[in-house]
C-alpha atoms as a PDB file:
ATOM      1  CA  MET A   1     159.410 215.337  55.037  1.00  0.00           C
ATOM      2  CA  ASN A   2     162.662 215.817  56.157  1.00  0.00           C
ATOM      3  CA  GLU A   3     164.328 212.332  56.288  1.00  0.00           C
ATOM      4  CA  LYS A   4     167.303 210.909  58.582  1.00  0.00           C
ATOM      5  CA  LYS A   5     170.144 209.613  58.657  1.00  0.00           C
ATOM      6  CA  LYS A   6     170.987 205.797  58.241  1.00  0.00           C
ATOM      7  CA  ILE A   7     174.319 204.025  58.918  1.00  0.00           C
ATOM      8  CA  THR A   8     174.941 201.763  55.987  1.00  0.00           C
ATOM      9  CA  PHE A   9     178.013 199.363  55.493  1.00  0.00           C
ATOM     10  CA  ALA A  10     178.526 196.083  53.686  1.00  0.00           C
ATOM     11  CA  ILE A  11     179.116 192.672  55.227  1.00  0.00           C
ATOM     12  CA  PRO A  12     180.934 189.894  53.123  1.00  0.00           C
ATOM     13  CA  ILE A  13     178.945 186.639  53.901  1.00  0.00           C
ATOM     14  CA  ARG A  14     181.695 184.111  54.569  1.00  0.00           C
ATOM     15  CA  PHE A  15     181.546 180.439  54.501  1.00  0.00           C
ATOM     16  CA  ARG A  16     181.744 179.887  58.021  1.00  0.00           C
ATOM     17  CA  ASP A  17     178.442 182.342  58.367  1.00  0.00           C
ATOM     18  CA  LEU A  18     176.575 178.991  56.478  1.00  0.00           C
ATOM     19  CA  ASP A  19     174.487 176.307  58.416  1.00  0.00           C
ATOM     20  CA  ALA A  20     174.349 172.990  57.172  1.00  0.00           C
ATOM     21  CA  MET A  21     171.310 174.596  55.704  1.00  0.00           C
ATOM     22  CA  GLY A  22     173.427 175.979  53.357  1.00  0.00           C
ATOM     23  CA  HIS A  23     172.311 179.781  54.429  1.00  0.00           C
ATOM     24  CA  VAL A  24     173.328 182.022  57.237  1.00  0.00           C
ATOM     25  CA  ASN A  25     173.216 180.517  60.125  1.00  0.00           C
ATOM     26  CA  ASN A  26     169.910 182.109  62.268  1.00  0.00           C
ATOM     27  CA  ALA A  27     172.424 183.257  65.165  1.00  0.00           C
ATOM     28  CA  THR A  28     174.971 185.000  63.084  1.00  0.00           C
ATOM     29  CA  PHE A  29     172.251 187.727  62.325  1.00  0.00           C
ATOM     30  CA  LEU A  30     172.539 188.386  65.690  1.00  0.00           C
ATOM     31  CA  THR A  31     176.095 189.012  64.871  1.00  0.00           C
ATOM     32  CA  TYR A  32     175.626 191.121  62.027  1.00  0.00           C
ATOM     33  CA  PHE A  33     173.069 193.339  64.216  1.00  0.00           C
ATOM     34  CA  GLU A  34     176.438 193.329  66.587  1.00  0.00           C
ATOM     35  CA  GLU A  35     178.650 194.518  63.984  1.00  0.00           C
ATOM     36  CA  GLY A  36     175.584 197.461  63.479  1.00  0.00           C
ATOM     37  CA  ARG A  37     176.434 198.940  66.644  1.00  0.00           C
ATOM     38  CA  THR A  38     179.780 199.119  66.612  1.00  0.00           C
ATOM     39  CA  GLU A  39     179.734 200.867  63.664  1.00  0.00           C
ATOM     40  CA  PHE A  40     176.962 202.981  64.469  1.00  0.00           C
ATOM     41  CA  PHE A  41     179.387 203.521  67.691  1.00  0.00           C
ATOM     42  CA  VAL A  42     182.818 204.232  66.200  1.00  0.00           C
ATOM     43  CA  ARG A  43     181.130 205.991  63.158  1.00  0.00           C
ATOM     44  CA  VAL A  44     178.515 208.621  65.479  1.00  0.00           C
ATOM     45  CA  LEU A  45     180.269 208.532  68.766  1.00  0.00           C
ATOM     46  CA  LYS A  46     183.340 208.573  67.816  1.00  0.00           C
ATOM     47  CA  SER A  47     184.130 205.438  70.713  1.00  0.00           C
ATOM     48  CA  LYS A  48     187.580 204.134  70.280  1.00  0.00           C
ATOM     49  CA  SER A  49     187.156 201.282  72.686  1.00  0.00           C
ATOM     50  CA  VAL A  50     184.948 199.064  74.658  1.00  0.00           C
ATOM     51  CA  LYS A  51     184.594 201.524  77.099  1.00  0.00           C
ATOM     52  CA  ASP A  52     183.199 204.305  75.336  1.00  0.00           C
ATOM     53  CA  PHE A  53     179.917 201.859  74.962  1.00  0.00           C
ATOM     54  CA  PRO A  54     178.164 202.396  78.197  1.00  0.00           C
ATOM     55  CA  PHE A  55     175.220 200.477  77.639  1.00  0.00           C
ATOM     56  CA  ILE A  56     173.941 197.112  78.271  1.00  0.00           C
ATOM     57  CA  LEU A  57     171.698 195.205  75.356  1.00  0.00           C
ATOM     58  CA  ALA A  58     168.201 194.811  77.231  1.00  0.00           C
ATOM     59  CA  GLN A  59     166.253 192.906  74.152  1.00  0.00           C
ATOM     60  CA  VAL A  60     166.912 191.870  70.625  1.00  0.00           C
ATOM     61  CA  THR A  61     164.653 190.520  68.170  1.00  0.00           C
ATOM     62  CA  CYS A  62     164.886 189.643  64.649  1.00  0.00           C
ATOM     63  CA  ARG A  63     162.509 188.901  61.875  1.00  0.00           C
ATOM     64  CA  TYR A  64     163.593 186.449  59.206  1.00  0.00           C
ATOM     65  CA  ILE A  65     162.311 187.153  55.431  1.00  0.00           C
ATOM     66  CA  HIS A  66     164.242 185.378  52.859  1.00  0.00           C
ATOM     67  CA  PRO A  67     167.439 183.537  53.716  1.00  0.00           C
ATOM     68  CA  ILE A  68     170.937 184.400  52.857  1.00  0.00           C
ATOM     69  CA  LYS A  69     173.319 182.177  50.705  1.00  0.00           C
ATOM     70  CA  LEU A  70     176.525 182.129  49.835  1.00  0.00           C
ATOM     71  CA  ASN A  71     176.173 183.637  46.452  1.00  0.00           C
ATOM     72  CA  GLU A  72     174.933 186.634  47.670  1.00  0.00           C
ATOM     73  CA  LYS A  73     178.576 187.256  48.230  1.00  0.00           C
ATOM     74  CA  ILE A  74     177.871 190.808  50.293  1.00  0.00           C
ATOM     75  CA  VAL A  75     175.089 191.835  51.767  1.00  0.00           C
ATOM     76  CA  ARG A  76     174.300 195.330  53.242  1.00  0.00           C
ATOM     77  CA  GLU A  77     172.869 196.540  56.419  1.00  0.00           C
ATOM     78  CA  ALA A  78     171.275 200.164  57.848  1.00  0.00           C
ATOM     79  CA  VAL A  79     171.142 200.879  61.428  1.00  0.00           C
ATOM     80  CA  TRP A  80     169.458 203.913  62.297  1.00  0.00           C
ATOM     81  CA  ILE A  81     167.674 204.577  66.051  1.00  0.00           C
ATOM     82  CA  SER A  82     163.952 204.300  66.271  1.00  0.00           C
ATOM     83  CA  ARG A  83     163.172 205.110  69.624  1.00  0.00           C
ATOM     84  CA  ILE A  84     164.736 206.779  72.344  1.00  0.00           C
ATOM     85  CA  GLY A  85     163.601 207.157  76.125  1.00  0.00           C
ATOM     86  CA  ALA A  86     164.641 208.583  79.436  1.00  0.00           C
ATOM     87  CA  LYS A  87     167.018 205.511  79.792  1.00  0.00           C
ATOM     88  CA  SER A  88     167.214 203.316  76.915  1.00  0.00           C
ATOM     89  CA  PHE A  89     166.785 203.333  73.318  1.00  0.00           C
ATOM     90  CA  ASN A  90     165.878 201.279  70.134  1.00  0.00           C
ATOM     91  CA  PHE A  91     168.253 200.233  67.231  1.00  0.00           C
ATOM     92  CA  ALA A  92     166.876 199.206  64.477  1.00  0.00           C
ATOM     93  CA  TYR A  93     168.298 197.134  61.947  1.00  0.00           C
ATOM     94  CA  GLU A  94     167.788 196.091  57.917  1.00  0.00           C
ATOM     95  CA  ILE A  95     169.958 193.346  55.801  1.00  0.00           C
ATOM     96  CA  TYR A  96     169.490 193.726  52.658  1.00  0.00           C
ATOM     97  CA  ARG A  97     170.911 192.646  49.225  1.00  0.00           C
ATOM     98  CA  ASP A  98     173.607 194.595  48.145  1.00  0.00           C
ATOM     99  CA  GLY A  99     172.048 196.899  45.102  1.00  0.00           C
ATOM    100  CA  ASP A 100     168.884 196.459  46.230  1.00  0.00           C
ATOM    101  CA  PRO A 101     167.421 197.947  49.912  1.00  0.00           C
ATOM    102  CA  GLU A 102     164.044 196.626  49.194  1.00  0.00           C
ATOM    103  CA  TRP A 103     164.999 193.351  48.825  1.00  0.00           C
ATOM    104  CA  LEU A 104     164.861 192.687  52.490  1.00  0.00           C
ATOM    105  CA  PHE A 105     166.664 189.189  54.390  1.00  0.00           C
ATOM    106  CA  SER A 106     165.882 190.647  57.986  1.00  0.00           C
ATOM    107  CA  THR A 107     164.973 193.497  59.937  1.00  0.00           C
ATOM    108  CA  GLY A 108     165.902 193.714  63.766  1.00  0.00           C
ATOM    109  CA  GLU A 109     165.131 195.626  67.187  1.00  0.00           C
ATOM    110  CA  SER A 110     167.600 196.465  70.070  1.00  0.00           C
ATOM    111  CA  VAL A 111     166.866 197.496  72.974  1.00  0.00           C
ATOM    112  CA  GLN A 112     170.119 199.604  74.704  1.00  0.00           C
ATOM    113  CA  VAL A 113     169.999 200.579  78.498  1.00  0.00           C
ATOM    114  CA  TYR A 114     172.245 204.017  79.137  1.00  0.00           C
ATOM    115  CA  TYR A 115     174.044 201.936  82.141  1.00  0.00           C
ATOM    116  CA  ASP A 116     177.121 202.798  84.670  1.00  0.00           C
ATOM    117  CA  TYR A 117     178.856 199.691  84.258  1.00  0.00           C
ATOM    118  CA  ASP A 118     181.457 200.778  88.042  1.00  0.00           C
ATOM    119  CA  ARG A 119     177.850 200.780  90.264  1.00  0.00           C
ATOM    120  CA  GLY A 120     175.666 198.274  88.250  1.00  0.00           C
ATOM    121  CA  THR A 121     172.593 200.527  87.638  1.00  0.00           C
ATOM    122  CA  SER A 122     171.228 202.484  84.728  1.00  0.00           C
ATOM    123  CA  LEU A 123     171.242 205.897  84.139  1.00  0.00           C
ATOM    124  CA  GLU A 124     169.205 208.752  82.284  1.00  0.00           C
ATOM    125  CA  ILE A 125     170.346 209.678  79.082  1.00  0.00           C
ATOM    126  CA  PRO A 126     172.360 212.517  78.706  1.00  0.00           C
ATOM    127  CA  GLU A 127     171.425 215.471  76.467  1.00  0.00           C
ATOM    128  CA  SER A 128     174.639 215.478  74.909  1.00  0.00           C
ATOM    129  CA  PHE A 129     174.153 211.820  73.627  1.00  0.00           C
ATOM    130  CA  ARG A 130     170.502 212.884  72.430  1.00  0.00           C
ATOM    131  CA  GLN A 131     172.542 215.577  70.308  1.00  0.00           C
ATOM    132  CA  ILE A 132     174.497 213.542  68.904  1.00  0.00           C
ATOM    133  CA  VAL A 133     172.265 210.931  67.976  1.00  0.00           C
ATOM    134  CA  ASP A 134     169.296 213.079  66.941  1.00  0.00           C
ATOM    135  CA  PRO A 135     170.183 212.955  63.229  1.00  0.00           C
ATOM    136  CA  TYR A 136     169.669 209.361  63.211  1.00  0.00           C
ATOM    137  CA  VAL A 137     166.319 209.035  65.303  1.00  0.00           C
ATOM    138  CA  ASN A 138     163.940 207.422  62.912  1.00  0.00           C
ATOM    139  CA  LYS A 139     160.894 207.008  64.253  1.00  0.00           C
ATOM    140  CA  SER A 140     159.272 205.504  61.349  1.00  0.00           C
END
């Protein structure tokens, strides 16, 4: 089976990411997912500004598996597209221990809708977008 591509990058764990319980706050995971979307748009779509993101976020889910504590210092994130439809697509996320991709802290998914901000309406995803992202579409 031909393995599709994933965007991967390091996330430094900052003291400010922690909550009173001494682990990364649950809401911060959604910020990490947001950073993953940004990395994808910059690396794959060559976006240079927010005007290059013709999408709105429609839904996001996160499954918390293990807490991230400050002693982790750095974790890694993998991002890919798990579904692409007529007007929307899903990003999938994994946050895992640096050096051990099998040790998952969380997994998640978000739905993005292709969107025209000027008209305030959703749009069909163009074929040009589909061709660019095809190497990153993992339907597994």
